[in-house]
C-alpha atoms as a PDB file:
ATOM      1  CA  MET A   1    -126.216 -72.002 -23.332  1.00  0.00           C
ATOM      2  CA  ILE A   2    -124.971 -68.485 -22.904  1.00  0.00           C
ATOM      3  CA  ASN A   3    -121.245 -67.924 -21.694  1.00  0.00           C
ATOM      4  CA  LEU A   4    -121.244 -65.437 -19.590  1.00  0.00           C
ATOM      5  CA  PRO A   5    -117.731 -64.545 -19.436  1.00  0.00           C
ATOM      6  CA  SER A   6    -117.420 -64.526 -23.565  1.00  0.00           C
ATOM      7  CA  THR A   7    -120.760 -62.733 -23.325  1.00  0.00           C
ATOM      8  CA  LEU A   8    -119.152 -59.724 -21.895  1.00  0.00           C
ATOM      9  CA  GLY A   9    -115.870 -59.516 -23.148  1.00  0.00           C
ATOM     10  CA  ARG A  10    -114.054 -58.380 -25.962  1.00  0.00           C
ATOM     11  CA  ALA A  11    -115.257 -60.718 -28.846  1.00  0.00           C
ATOM     12  CA  PHE A  12    -119.087 -60.013 -27.457  1.00  0.00           C
ATOM     13  CA  ILE A  13    -118.639 -56.218 -27.758  1.00  0.00           C
ATOM     14  CA  ILE A  14    -116.891 -56.104 -31.066  1.00  0.00           C
ATOM     15  CA  SER A  15    -119.283 -58.815 -32.933  1.00  0.00           C
ATOM     16  CA  ALA A  16    -122.696 -58.539 -31.440  1.00  0.00           C
ATOM     17  CA  LEU A  17    -123.108 -55.373 -29.196  1.00  0.00           C
ATOM     18  CA  VAL A  18    -121.404 -52.914 -31.923  1.00  0.00           C
ATOM     19  CA  PRO A  19    -123.643 -54.204 -35.023  1.00  0.00           C
ATOM     20  CA  ALA A  20    -126.681 -54.140 -32.534  1.00  0.00           C
ATOM     21  CA  PHE A  21    -125.846 -50.505 -31.494  1.00  0.00           C
ATOM     22  CA  VAL A  22    -125.609 -49.486 -35.220  1.00  0.00           C
ATOM     23  CA  PHE A  23    -128.785 -51.167 -35.828  1.00  0.00           C
ATOM     24  CA  VAL A  24    -130.759 -49.322 -33.043  1.00  0.00           C
ATOM     25  CA  LEU A  25    -129.070 -46.039 -34.307  1.00  0.00           C
ATOM     26  CA  LEU A  26    -130.634 -46.700 -37.620  1.00  0.00           C
ATOM     27  CA  ASN A  27    -133.986 -47.652 -36.121  1.00  0.00           C
ATOM     28  CA  ALA A  28    -134.332 -44.548 -33.587  1.00  0.00           C
ATOM     29  CA  ALA A  29    -133.231 -42.137 -37.152  1.00  0.00           C
ATOM     30  CA  PHE A  30    -135.543 -43.667 -39.746  1.00  0.00           C
ATOM     31  CA  VAL A  31    -138.065 -46.352 -38.322  1.00  0.00           C
ATOM     32  CA  SER A  32    -139.191 -44.943 -34.832  1.00  0.00           C
ATOM     33  CA  GLY A  33    -141.261 -42.373 -36.071  1.00  0.00           C
ATOM     34  CA  ALA A  34    -143.474 -44.377 -38.517  1.00  0.00           C
ATOM     35  CA  LEU A  35    -143.839 -47.700 -36.353  1.00  0.00           C
ATOM     36  CA  PRO A  36    -145.749 -46.643 -33.270  1.00  0.00           C
ATOM     37  CA  GLY A  37    -144.587 -49.958 -31.604  1.00  0.00           C
ATOM     38  CA  ILE A  38    -140.624 -49.430 -32.393  1.00  0.00           C
ATOM     39  CA  GLY A  39    -141.439 -45.527 -31.004  1.00  0.00           C
ATOM     40  CA  ALA A  40    -143.189 -46.788 -27.887  1.00  0.00           C
ATOM     41  CA  LEU A  41    -140.093 -48.845 -27.086  1.00  0.00           C
ATOM     42  CA  ILE A  42    -137.823 -46.048 -27.544  1.00  0.00           C
ATOM     43  CA  ILE A  43    -139.656 -43.766 -25.119  1.00  0.00           C
ATOM     44  CA  LEU A  44    -139.988 -46.008 -22.645  1.00  0.00           C
ATOM     45  CA  GLY A  45    -137.689 -43.712 -20.334  1.00  0.00           C
ATOM     46  CA  ASP A  46    -139.973 -41.091 -20.403  1.00  0.00           C
ATOM     47  CA  THR A  47    -141.523 -41.846 -16.878  1.00  0.00           C
ATOM     48  CA  PRO A  48    -141.777 -39.875 -13.706  1.00  0.00           C
ATOM     49  CA  LEU A  49    -140.135 -42.686 -11.966  1.00  0.00           C
ATOM     50  CA  LEU A  50    -137.215 -42.953 -14.570  1.00  0.00           C
ATOM     51  CA  GLY A  51    -136.708 -39.143 -15.060  1.00  0.00           C
ATOM     52  CA  ALA A  52    -136.546 -38.395 -11.134  1.00  0.00           C
ATOM     53  CA  LEU A  53    -133.692 -40.909 -11.345  1.00  0.00           C
ATOM     54  CA  GLY A  54    -132.130 -39.101 -14.392  1.00  0.00           C
ATOM     55  CA  ILE A  55    -132.646 -41.489 -16.763  1.00  0.00           C
ATOM     56  CA  LYS A  56    -133.619 -40.437 -20.395  1.00  0.00           C
ATOM     57  CA  SER A  57    -135.011 -42.388 -22.939  1.00  0.00           C
ATOM     58  CA  VAL A  58    -131.932 -42.071 -25.200  1.00  0.00           C
ATOM     59  CA  ASP A  59    -130.000 -44.096 -22.241  1.00  0.00           C
ATOM     60  CA  LEU A  60    -132.436 -47.035 -22.627  1.00  0.00           C
ATOM     61  CA  THR A  61    -132.166 -46.820 -26.417  1.00  0.00           C
ATOM     62  CA  LEU A  62    -128.636 -46.629 -26.744  1.00  0.00           C
ATOM     63  CA  LEU A  63    -127.498 -48.919 -23.761  1.00  0.00           C
ATOM     64  CA  LEU A  64    -130.331 -51.175 -22.749  1.00  0.00           C
ATOM     65  CA  ILE A  65    -131.682 -52.251 -26.101  1.00  0.00           C
ATOM     66  CA  PRO A  66    -128.527 -53.108 -27.901  1.00  0.00           C
ATOM     67  CA  SER A  67    -127.343 -55.003 -25.234  1.00  0.00           C
ATOM     68  CA  LEU A  68    -130.313 -57.288 -25.183  1.00  0.00           C
ATOM     69  CA  ILE A  69    -130.266 -57.470 -29.085  1.00  0.00           C
ATOM     70  CA  GLY A  70    -126.345 -58.427 -28.590  1.00  0.00           C
ATOM     71  CA  VAL A  71    -126.913 -61.081 -25.726  1.00  0.00           C
ATOM     72  CA  LEU A  72    -129.790 -62.557 -28.059  1.00  0.00           C
ATOM     73  CA  LEU A  73    -127.086 -62.717 -31.052  1.00  0.00           C
ATOM     74  CA  ASN A  74    -124.574 -64.252 -29.031  1.00  0.00           C
ATOM     75  CA  ALA A  75    -127.203 -66.986 -27.861  1.00  0.00           C
ATOM     76  CA  LEU A  76    -128.299 -67.469 -31.171  1.00  0.00           C
ATOM     77  CA  ASN A  77    -125.018 -67.487 -32.399  1.00  0.00           C
ATOM     78  CA  THR A  78    -125.133 -71.525 -33.964  1.00  0.00           C
ATOM     79  CA  PHE A  79    -128.961 -70.651 -34.865  1.00  0.00           C
ATOM     80  CA  ILE A  80    -127.354 -67.687 -37.158  1.00  0.00           C
ATOM     81  CA  ILE A  81    -124.699 -69.555 -38.704  1.00  0.00           C
ATOM     82  CA  ARG A  82    -126.774 -72.412 -39.974  1.00  0.00           C
ATOM     83  CA  LEU A  83    -129.291 -70.058 -40.947  1.00  0.00           C
ATOM     84  CA  PHE A  84    -126.524 -68.532 -43.543  1.00  0.00           C
ATOM     85  CA  GLU A  85    -125.373 -72.277 -44.334  1.00  0.00           C
ATOM     86  CA  GLY A  86    -128.725 -72.921 -45.469  1.00  0.00           C
ATOM     87  CA  ALA A  87    -129.057 -75.916 -43.175  1.00  0.00           C
ATOM     88  CA  HIS A  88    -131.940 -75.381 -41.558  1.00  0.00           C
ATOM     89  CA  GLY A  89    -134.708 -77.736 -42.831  1.00  0.00           C
ATOM     90  CA  PHE A  90    -137.245 -74.750 -43.935  1.00  0.00           C
ATOM     91  CA  GLU A  91    -134.170 -73.796 -46.045  1.00  0.00           C
ATOM     92  CA  ARG A  92    -133.200 -77.131 -48.105  1.00  0.00           C
ATOM     93  CA  ALA A  93    -136.555 -78.096 -48.448  1.00  0.00           C
ATOM     94  CA  GLY A  94    -138.450 -74.810 -48.982  1.00  0.00           C
ATOM     95  CA  ILE A  95    -137.060 -71.507 -49.565  1.00  0.00           C
ATOM     96  CA  PHE A  96    -133.535 -72.394 -50.925  1.00  0.00           C
ATOM     97  CA  LYS A  97    -134.492 -75.439 -52.584  1.00  0.00           C
ATOM     98  CA  TRP A  98    -133.738 -74.131 -56.129  1.00  0.00           C
ATOM     99  CA  LEU A  99    -130.648 -72.980 -54.622  1.00  0.00           C
ATOM    100  CA  LEU A 100    -129.592 -76.290 -53.459  1.00  0.00           C
ATOM    101  CA  GLU A 101    -130.135 -78.048 -56.933  1.00  0.00           C
ATOM    102  CA  ARG A 102    -128.467 -75.376 -58.509  1.00  0.00           C
ATOM    103  CA  LYS A 103    -125.385 -76.143 -56.364  1.00  0.00           C
ATOM    104  CA  VAL A 104    -125.845 -79.551 -57.240  1.00  0.00           C
ATOM    105  CA  LYS A 105    -125.419 -79.107 -60.963  1.00  0.00           C
ATOM    106  CA  GLN A 106    -122.601 -77.176 -60.292  1.00  0.00           C
ATOM    107  CA  HIS A 107    -120.690 -79.791 -58.146  1.00  0.00           C
ATOM    108  CA  THR A 108    -121.713 -82.397 -60.682  1.00  0.00           C
ATOM    109  CA  ALA A 109    -120.023 -79.818 -63.397  1.00  0.00           C
ATOM    110  CA  ARG A 110    -117.134 -79.108 -61.622  1.00  0.00           C
ATOM    111  CA  MET A 111    -116.439 -82.397 -59.400  1.00  0.00           C
ATOM    112  CA  GLY A 112    -117.767 -85.103 -61.920  1.00  0.00           C
ATOM    113  CA  ASP A 113    -114.894 -85.658 -64.043  1.00  0.00           C
ATOM    114  CA  LEU A 114    -112.375 -85.596 -61.004  1.00  0.00           C
ATOM    115  CA  ARG A 115    -114.381 -88.191 -59.555  1.00  0.00           C
ATOM    116  CA  ALA A 116    -114.925 -90.429 -62.430  1.00  0.00           C
ATOM    117  CA  PHE A 117    -111.125 -90.389 -63.040  1.00  0.00           C
ATOM    118  CA  GLN A 118    -110.091 -91.099 -59.542  1.00  0.00           C
ATOM    119  CA  ASP A 119    -112.546 -94.258 -59.379  1.00  0.00           C
ATOM    120  CA  GLN A 120    -111.223 -95.239 -62.504  1.00  0.00           C
ATOM    121  CA  PHE A 121    -107.418 -95.141 -60.964  1.00  0.00           C
ATOM    122  CA  ARG A 122    -108.292 -97.123 -58.142  1.00  0.00           C
ATOM    123  CA  LYS A 123    -109.779 -99.629 -60.330  1.00  0.00           C
ATOM    124  CA  SER A 124    -106.773 -99.820 -62.691  1.00  0.00           C
ATOM    125  CA  SER A 125    -103.965-102.294 -62.188  1.00  0.00           C
ATOM    126  CA  ASP A 126    -102.034-100.896 -65.339  1.00  0.00           C
ATOM    127  CA  ASP A 127     -98.759 -98.847 -64.489  1.00  0.00           C
ATOM    128  CA  LEU A 128     -98.990 -97.095 -67.608  1.00  0.00           C
ATOM    129  CA  GLU A 129    -102.496 -96.366 -67.522  1.00  0.00           C
ATOM    130  CA  LYS A 130    -102.270 -95.097 -63.795  1.00  0.00           C
ATOM    131  CA  ARG A 131     -99.918 -92.674 -65.007  1.00  0.00           C
ATOM    132  CA  GLY A 132    -101.630 -91.002 -67.479  1.00  0.00           C
ATOM    133  CA  LEU A 133    -104.728 -91.082 -65.588  1.00  0.00           C
ATOM    134  CA  ARG A 134    -102.811 -89.235 -62.614  1.00  0.00           C
ATOM    135  CA  ILE A 135    -101.464 -86.329 -64.826  1.00  0.00           C
ATOM    136  CA  GLU A 136    -105.150 -85.738 -65.766  1.00  0.00           C
ATOM    137  CA  ILE A 137    -106.242 -85.950 -62.348  1.00  0.00           C
ATOM    138  CA  GLY A 138    -103.668 -83.275 -61.432  1.00  0.00           C
ATOM    139  CA  LYS A 139    -104.719 -81.232 -64.455  1.00  0.00           C
ATOM    140  CA  ILE A 140    -108.558 -81.435 -63.108  1.00  0.00           C
ATOM    141  CA  GLN A 141    -107.398 -80.530 -59.433  1.00  0.00           C
ATOM    142  CA  GLN A 142    -105.158 -77.688 -60.640  1.00  0.00           C
ATOM    143  CA  ARG A 143    -108.181 -76.282 -62.160  1.00  0.00           C
ATOM    144  CA  ILE A 144    -110.324 -76.806 -59.405  1.00  0.00           C
ATOM    145  CA  TYR A 145    -108.175 -75.599 -56.675  1.00  0.00           C
ATOM    146  CA  THR A 146    -106.768 -72.685 -58.554  1.00  0.00           C
ATOM    147  CA  GLY A 147    -108.416 -69.046 -57.755  1.00  0.00           C
ATOM    148  CA  PHE A 148    -110.960 -67.875 -55.651  1.00  0.00           C
ATOM    149  CA  ALA A 149    -113.985 -68.229 -58.335  1.00  0.00           C
ATOM    150  CA  ASP A 150    -113.178 -72.206 -58.380  1.00  0.00           C
ATOM    151  CA  ALA A 151    -111.375 -72.669 -55.169  1.00  0.00           C
ATOM    152  CA  GLY A 152    -111.620 -76.471 -53.938  1.00  0.00           C
ATOM    153  CA  MET A 153    -112.469 -74.884 -50.551  1.00  0.00           C
ATOM    154  CA  THR A 154    -115.554 -73.174 -51.878  1.00  0.00           C
ATOM    155  CA  MET A 155    -117.804 -76.591 -52.342  1.00  0.00           C
ATOM    156  CA  PRO A 156    -117.497 -80.122 -50.556  1.00  0.00           C
ATOM    157  CA  SER A 157    -116.112 -83.058 -52.361  1.00  0.00           C
ATOM    158  CA  ASP A 158    -118.934 -85.501 -51.027  1.00  0.00           C
ATOM    159  CA  PRO A 159    -122.216 -84.018 -52.799  1.00  0.00           C
ATOM    160  CA  ALA A 160    -124.140 -85.459 -49.690  1.00  0.00           C
ATOM    161  CA  ARG A 161    -122.524 -82.416 -47.752  1.00  0.00           C
ATOM    162  CA  LEU A 162    -123.724 -79.931 -50.244  1.00  0.00           C
ATOM    163  CA  LEU A 163    -125.635 -76.952 -49.005  1.00  0.00           C
ATOM    164  CA  PRO A 164    -128.021 -74.091 -50.788  1.00  0.00           C
ATOM    165  CA  THR A 165    -125.242 -71.492 -49.925  1.00  0.00           C
ATOM    166  CA  THR A 166    -121.507 -70.766 -50.455  1.00  0.00           C
ATOM    167  CA  PHE A 167    -121.213 -70.218 -47.242  1.00  0.00           C
ATOM    168  CA  GLY A 168    -122.750 -73.441 -46.347  1.00  0.00           C
ATOM    169  CA  ASN A 169    -120.512 -75.437 -48.586  1.00  0.00           C
ATOM    170  CA  ILE A 170    -117.091 -73.636 -47.604  1.00  0.00           C
ATOM    171  CA  TRP A 171    -118.204 -74.871 -43.945  1.00  0.00           C
ATOM    172  CA  ALA A 172    -118.802 -78.318 -45.306  1.00  0.00           C
ATOM    173  CA  ALA A 173    -115.403 -78.149 -46.877  1.00  0.00           C
ATOM    174  CA  ILE A 174    -113.715 -76.893 -44.001  1.00  0.00           C
ATOM    175  CA  GLU A 175    -115.216 -79.988 -41.829  1.00  0.00           C
ATOM    176  CA  GLU A 176    -114.524 -82.227 -44.796  1.00  0.00           C
ATOM    177  CA  TYR A 177    -111.038 -81.755 -45.137  1.00  0.00           C
ATOM    178  CA  PRO A 178    -109.602 -83.403 -42.290  1.00  0.00           C
ATOM    179  CA  TYR A 179    -111.584 -86.769 -43.107  1.00  0.00           C
ATOM    180  CA  LEU A 180    -110.360 -86.660 -46.384  1.00  0.00           C
ATOM    181  CA  ARG A 181    -106.589 -86.479 -45.773  1.00  0.00           C
ATOM    182  CA  TYR A 182    -106.621 -88.343 -42.519  1.00  0.00           C
ATOM    183  CA  GLY A 183    -109.740 -90.028 -41.608  1.00  0.00           C
ATOM    184  CA  MET A 184    -110.240 -87.555 -38.946  1.00  0.00           C
ATOM    185  CA  ASP A 185    -114.130 -86.372 -38.645  1.00  0.00           C
ATOM    186  CA  GLY A 186    -113.713 -82.672 -38.615  1.00  0.00           C
ATOM    187  CA  THR A 187    -117.040 -82.151 -35.926  1.00  0.00           C
ATOM    188  CA  THR A 188    -115.716 -85.199 -33.863  1.00  0.00           C
ATOM    189  CA  PHE A 189    -112.145 -84.279 -33.837  1.00  0.00           C
ATOM    190  CA  TRP A 190    -112.120 -80.339 -33.699  1.00  0.00           C
ATOM    191  CA  PRO A 191    -112.942 -79.856 -29.993  1.00  0.00           C
ATOM    192  CA  ARG A 192    -110.471 -82.273 -28.930  1.00  0.00           C
ATOM    193  CA  MET A 193    -107.731 -80.502 -31.274  1.00  0.00           C
ATOM    194  CA  ILE A 194    -108.066 -77.443 -29.686  1.00  0.00           C
ATOM    195  CA  SER A 195    -106.351 -78.472 -26.553  1.00  0.00           C
ATOM    196  CA  VAL A 196    -103.150 -79.024 -28.267  1.00  0.00           C
ATOM    197  CA  VAL A 197    -102.949 -76.027 -30.696  1.00  0.00           C
ATOM    198  CA  PRO A 198    -100.363 -73.325 -29.665  1.00  0.00           C
ATOM    199  CA  LYS A 199    -101.536 -70.300 -28.316  1.00  0.00           C
ATOM    200  CA  GLU A 200    -101.170 -68.128 -31.457  1.00  0.00           C
ATOM    201  CA  TYR A 201    -103.011 -70.349 -33.607  1.00  0.00           C
ATOM    202  CA  ALA A 202    -105.845 -70.367 -31.039  1.00  0.00           C
ATOM    203  CA  GLU A 203    -105.833 -66.816 -31.100  1.00  0.00           C
ATOM    204  CA  MET A 204    -105.602 -66.471 -34.752  1.00  0.00           C
ATOM    205  CA  ILE A 205    -108.664 -68.687 -34.873  1.00  0.00           C
ATOM    206  CA  ALA A 206    -110.285 -66.758 -32.264  1.00  0.00           C
ATOM    207  CA  ASP A 207    -109.978 -63.231 -34.017  1.00  0.00           C
ATOM    208  CA  LYS A 208    -111.511 -64.620 -37.228  1.00  0.00           C
ATOM    209  CA  LYS A 209    -114.537 -66.352 -35.795  1.00  0.00           C
ATOM    210  CA  MET A 210    -114.981 -62.738 -33.978  1.00  0.00           C
ATOM    211  CA  THR A 211    -114.917 -61.097 -37.691  1.00  0.00           C
ATOM    212  CA  LEU A 212    -116.972 -63.837 -38.775  1.00  0.00           C
ATOM    213  CA  ASP A 213    -119.820 -63.077 -36.208  1.00  0.00           C
ATOM    214  CA  LEU A 214    -119.202 -59.438 -36.805  1.00  0.00           C
ATOM    215  CA  LEU A 215    -119.893 -59.732 -40.471  1.00  0.00           C
ATOM    216  CA  LEU A 216    -122.857 -62.583 -40.311  1.00  0.00           C
ATOM    217  CA  ASN A 217    -124.660 -60.452 -37.411  1.00  0.00           C
ATOM    218  CA  SER A 218    -124.516 -57.471 -39.242  1.00  0.00           C
ATOM    219  CA  SER A 219    -125.568 -58.548 -42.701  1.00  0.00           C
ATOM    220  CA  LEU A 220    -128.770 -60.053 -40.826  1.00  0.00           C
ATOM    221  CA  LEU A 221    -129.427 -56.755 -38.874  1.00  0.00           C
ATOM    222  CA  ALA A 222    -128.941 -54.972 -42.283  1.00  0.00           C
ATOM    223  CA  LEU A 223    -131.587 -57.315 -43.663  1.00  0.00           C
ATOM    224  CA  VAL A 224    -133.988 -56.494 -40.965  1.00  0.00           C
ATOM    225  CA  PHE A 225    -133.362 -53.038 -41.013  1.00  0.00           C
ATOM    226  CA  GLY A 226    -134.135 -53.285 -44.804  1.00  0.00           C
ATOM    227  CA  ALA A 227    -137.207 -54.857 -44.268  1.00  0.00           C
ATOM    228  CA  GLU A 228    -138.508 -52.173 -41.551  1.00  0.00           C
ATOM    229  CA  MET A 229    -137.655 -49.682 -44.174  1.00  0.00           C
ATOM    230  CA  LEU A 230    -139.795 -51.462 -46.876  1.00  0.00           C
ATOM    231  CA  ALA A 231    -142.635 -51.608 -44.079  1.00  0.00           C
ATOM    232  CA  VAL A 232    -142.116 -47.436 -43.532  1.00  0.00           C
ATOM    233  CA  ALA A 233    -142.027 -46.999 -47.140  1.00  0.00           C
ATOM    234  CA  ALA A 234    -145.417 -48.420 -47.945  1.00  0.00           C
ATOM    235  CA  PRO A 235    -147.701 -46.110 -45.884  1.00  0.00           C
ATOM    236  CA  ARG A 236    -145.441 -43.078 -46.740  1.00  0.00           C
ATOM    237  CA  VAL A 237    -144.484 -43.900 -50.186  1.00  0.00           C
ATOM    238  CA  GLY A 238    -141.056 -42.254 -50.305  1.00  0.00           C
ATOM    239  CA  ILE A 239    -138.408 -42.818 -52.742  1.00  0.00           C
ATOM    240  CA  GLY A 240    -136.052 -41.904 -49.928  1.00  0.00           C
ATOM    241  CA  ASN A 241    -137.117 -44.950 -47.960  1.00  0.00           C
ATOM    242  CA  THR A 242    -137.272 -47.324 -50.754  1.00  0.00           C
ATOM    243  CA  ALA A 243    -133.549 -46.405 -51.576  1.00  0.00           C
ATOM    244  CA  PHE A 244    -132.624 -46.854 -48.001  1.00  0.00           C
ATOM    245  CA  ALA A 245    -134.260 -50.287 -47.678  1.00  0.00           C
ATOM    246  CA  LEU A 246    -132.426 -51.254 -50.924  1.00  0.00           C
ATOM    247  CA  GLY A 247    -128.863 -49.839 -49.454  1.00  0.00           C
ATOM    248  CA  ALA A 248    -129.584 -52.205 -46.624  1.00  0.00           C
ATOM    249  CA  PHE A 249    -129.859 -55.139 -48.547  1.00  0.00           C
ATOM    250  CA  VAL A 250    -126.959 -54.360 -50.910  1.00  0.00           C
ATOM    251  CA  ALA A 251    -124.917 -53.849 -47.501  1.00  0.00           C
ATOM    252  CA  ALA A 252    -126.285 -57.427 -45.876  1.00  0.00           C
ATOM    253  CA  TYR A 253    -124.940 -58.880 -49.601  1.00  0.00           C
ATOM    254  CA  ILE A 254    -121.787 -56.881 -49.088  1.00  0.00           C
ATOM    255  CA  LEU A 255    -121.205 -58.105 -45.849  1.00  0.00           C
ATOM    256  CA  TYR A 256    -122.432 -61.811 -46.547  1.00  0.00           C
ATOM    257  CA  GLN A 257    -119.348 -61.873 -49.180  1.00  0.00           C
ATOM    258  CA  THR A 258    -117.127 -60.574 -47.255  1.00  0.00           C
ATOM    259  CA  ALA A 259    -118.256 -63.428 -44.184  1.00  0.00           C
ATOM    260  CA  ASN A 260    -117.252 -66.016 -47.209  1.00  0.00           C
ATOM    261  CA  VAL A 261    -113.602 -64.674 -47.581  1.00  0.00           C
ATOM    262  CA  THR A 262    -113.205 -64.214 -43.755  1.00  0.00           C
ATOM    263  CA  LEU A 263    -114.929 -68.279 -43.364  1.00  0.00           C
ATOM    264  CA  LEU A 264    -112.171 -69.131 -46.264  1.00  0.00           C
ATOM    265  CA  GLU A 265    -109.401 -67.530 -44.284  1.00  0.00           C
ATOM    266  CA  MET A 266    -110.427 -69.244 -40.887  1.00  0.00           C
ATOM    267  CA  GLY A 267    -110.760 -72.580 -42.466  1.00  0.00           C
ATOM    268  CA  GLU A 268    -107.228 -72.561 -43.626  1.00  0.00           C
ATOM    269  CA  LEU A 269    -106.336 -71.833 -40.077  1.00  0.00           C
ATOM    270  CA  ILE A 270    -108.140 -74.761 -38.751  1.00  0.00           C
ATOM    271  CA  ASN A 271    -107.220 -77.116 -41.524  1.00  0.00           C
ATOM    272  CA  SER A 272    -103.420 -76.463 -40.972  1.00  0.00           C
ATOM    273  CA  CYS A 273    -104.183 -77.393 -37.203  1.00  0.00           C
ATOM    274  CA  PHE A 274    -104.781 -80.983 -38.284  1.00  0.00           C
ATOM    275  CA  ASP A 275    -101.884 -80.553 -40.480  1.00  0.00           C
ATOM    276  CA  LEU A 276     -99.307 -79.520 -38.016  1.00  0.00           C
ATOM    277  CA  PHE A 277    -100.687 -80.711 -34.632  1.00  0.00           C
ATOM    278  CA  ARG A 278    -102.720 -83.856 -35.092  1.00  0.00           C
ATOM    279  CA  GLY A 279     -99.851 -85.686 -33.749  1.00  0.00           C
ATOM    280  CA  ALA A 280     -99.529 -84.204 -30.516  1.00  0.00           C
ATOM    281  CA  LEU A 281    -103.430 -84.815 -30.580  1.00  0.00           C
ATOM    282  CA  GLY A 282    -102.373 -88.624 -31.135  1.00  0.00           C
ATOM    283  CA  VAL A 283     -99.823 -88.322 -27.940  1.00  0.00           C
ATOM    284  CA  GLN A 284    -102.660 -86.949 -25.761  1.00  0.00           C
ATOM    285  CA  MET A 285    -105.159 -89.635 -26.716  1.00  0.00           C
ATOM    286  CA  GLY A 286    -102.723 -92.229 -26.003  1.00  0.00           C
ATOM    287  CA  LEU A 287    -102.174 -93.291 -30.039  1.00  0.00           C
ATOM    288  CA  LYS A 288     -99.106 -94.409 -31.564  1.00  0.00           C
ATOM    289  CA  ILE A 289     -99.433 -92.775 -35.019  1.00  0.00           C
ATOM    290  CA  PRO A 290     -97.136 -93.969 -37.530  1.00  0.00           C
ATOM    291  CA  ALA A 291     -94.653 -91.354 -39.251  1.00  0.00           C
ATOM    292  CA  GLY A 292     -94.999 -91.642 -43.102  1.00  0.00           C
ATOM    293  CA  ASP A 293     -97.287 -94.390 -43.273  1.00  0.00           C
ATOM    294  CA  ILE A 294    -100.639 -92.387 -44.367  1.00  0.00           C
ATOM    295  CA  GLU A 295    -102.604 -95.296 -45.019  1.00  0.00           C
ATOM    296  CA  THR A 296    -102.219 -96.811 -41.588  1.00  0.00           C
ATOM    297  CA  GLU A 297    -102.865 -93.490 -40.146  1.00  0.00           C
ATOM    298  CA  ARG A 298    -105.992 -92.853 -41.698  1.00  0.00           C
ATOM    299  CA  HIS A 299    -107.053 -96.509 -40.609  1.00  0.00           C
ATOM    300  CA  ILE A 300    -106.206 -95.379 -36.756  1.00  0.00           C
ATOM    301  CA  TRP A 301    -108.147 -92.221 -36.892  1.00  0.00           C
ATOM    302  CA  SER A 302    -111.116 -93.531 -38.430  1.00  0.00           C
ATOM    303  CA  GLY A 303    -111.371 -96.340 -36.065  1.00  0.00           C
ATOM    304  CA  VAL A 304    -110.889 -93.823 -32.999  1.00  0.00           C
ATOM    305  CA  ASN A 305    -113.631 -91.666 -34.548  1.00  0.00           C
ATOM    306  CA  SER A 306    -116.230 -94.375 -34.867  1.00  0.00           C
ATOM    307  CA  TYR A 307    -114.874 -95.484 -31.321  1.00  0.00           C
ATOM    308  CA  ILE A 308    -116.030 -92.029 -29.826  1.00  0.00           C
ATOM    309  CA  LEU A 309    -118.753 -91.682 -31.526  1.00  0.00           C
ATOM    310  CA  SER A 310    -120.417 -95.172 -30.821  1.00  0.00           C
ATOM    311  CA  GLY A 311    -118.293 -96.269 -27.751  1.00  0.00           C
ATOM    312  CA  ASP A 312    -117.990 -99.887 -28.750  1.00  0.00           C
ATOM    313  CA  SER A 313    -114.455-100.854 -27.971  1.00  0.00           C
ATOM    314  CA  TYR A 314    -114.219-103.166 -31.066  1.00  0.00           C
ATOM    315  CA  TYR A 315    -114.005-100.296 -33.182  1.00  0.00           C
ATOM    316  CA  TYR A 316    -110.475 -98.971 -31.513  1.00  0.00           C
ATOM    317  CA  PRO A 317    -107.600-100.303 -33.525  1.00  0.00           C
ATOM    318  CA  SER A 318    -104.944-102.019 -32.225  1.00  0.00           C
ATOM    319  CA  GLU A 319    -102.090-100.775 -34.036  1.00  0.00           C
ATOM    320  CA  GLY A 320    -103.181 -97.219 -32.747  1.00  0.00           C
ATOM    321  CA  GLN A 321    -102.846 -98.533 -28.975  1.00  0.00           C
ATOM    322  CA  LYS A 322     -99.415 -96.897 -27.475  1.00  0.00           C
ATOM    323  CA  SER A 323     -97.100 -99.046 -25.580  1.00  0.00           C
ATOM    324  CA  ASN A 324     -96.013 -98.075 -22.025  1.00  0.00           C
END
């Protein structure tokens, strides 16, 4: 559903209208003369009626068309995000299947030893052995979670959450974080968490989301423009057109990689909200969250999560009920 106030607001102008405007300008400059369909769209304003009103073709091109493209980008925001995640069925089982298989191998190489040591730690009853395992686990975690290239936030711990793209795996790791720490499913609790997040945090997250949408929309339109330039280059066999197409694809890749960094930054803010404000959410939901007892807290949030999803009252933890 399109939210009209946000569609006409600052976020829409920056994240959707600006890239759409640049895309139309590039089409007008390099594509319209070679592709009749687009050319006909651009000269739509050259009619006696519109001419009598003083409306020229450039008015339609630079105002109406970017606005329509911007509204379309805004309406398809979730679809576009999932497209870059590689989460659609035609991506996971089709064009990106090889990439998903590669991510599975990377996950095994990166997380396999950690999971094995953690399983051994949970099964061990020997304090001396557990002390040694804790040291080894710490070394592996230090290697995984230090440095951007191997940052833990670029890949979820659960292999079932893996997606073909780095962008998708960063998003999966963000959603996984509150569950691993507190037993809170990120997808379930985030719409409720934002009601207790302070204004300054909410604004920072909104700004990061706006930047993220700008980068993704720009990357997508750069890919479309590159494909258009290849279509132009085919009949003209022009080296310049081919160079423009390659440049557009390179720009799309750079924008995508920048989106990954922005998503990591946004994820840190979101995860911080669970670290800092889950207690306030518990108060809002009428829960009694014990301070300093993480295992009981995880049990409470896990039960509430199941209750929200299913509605079955037996999931609601008795120790989490707030006494009046």
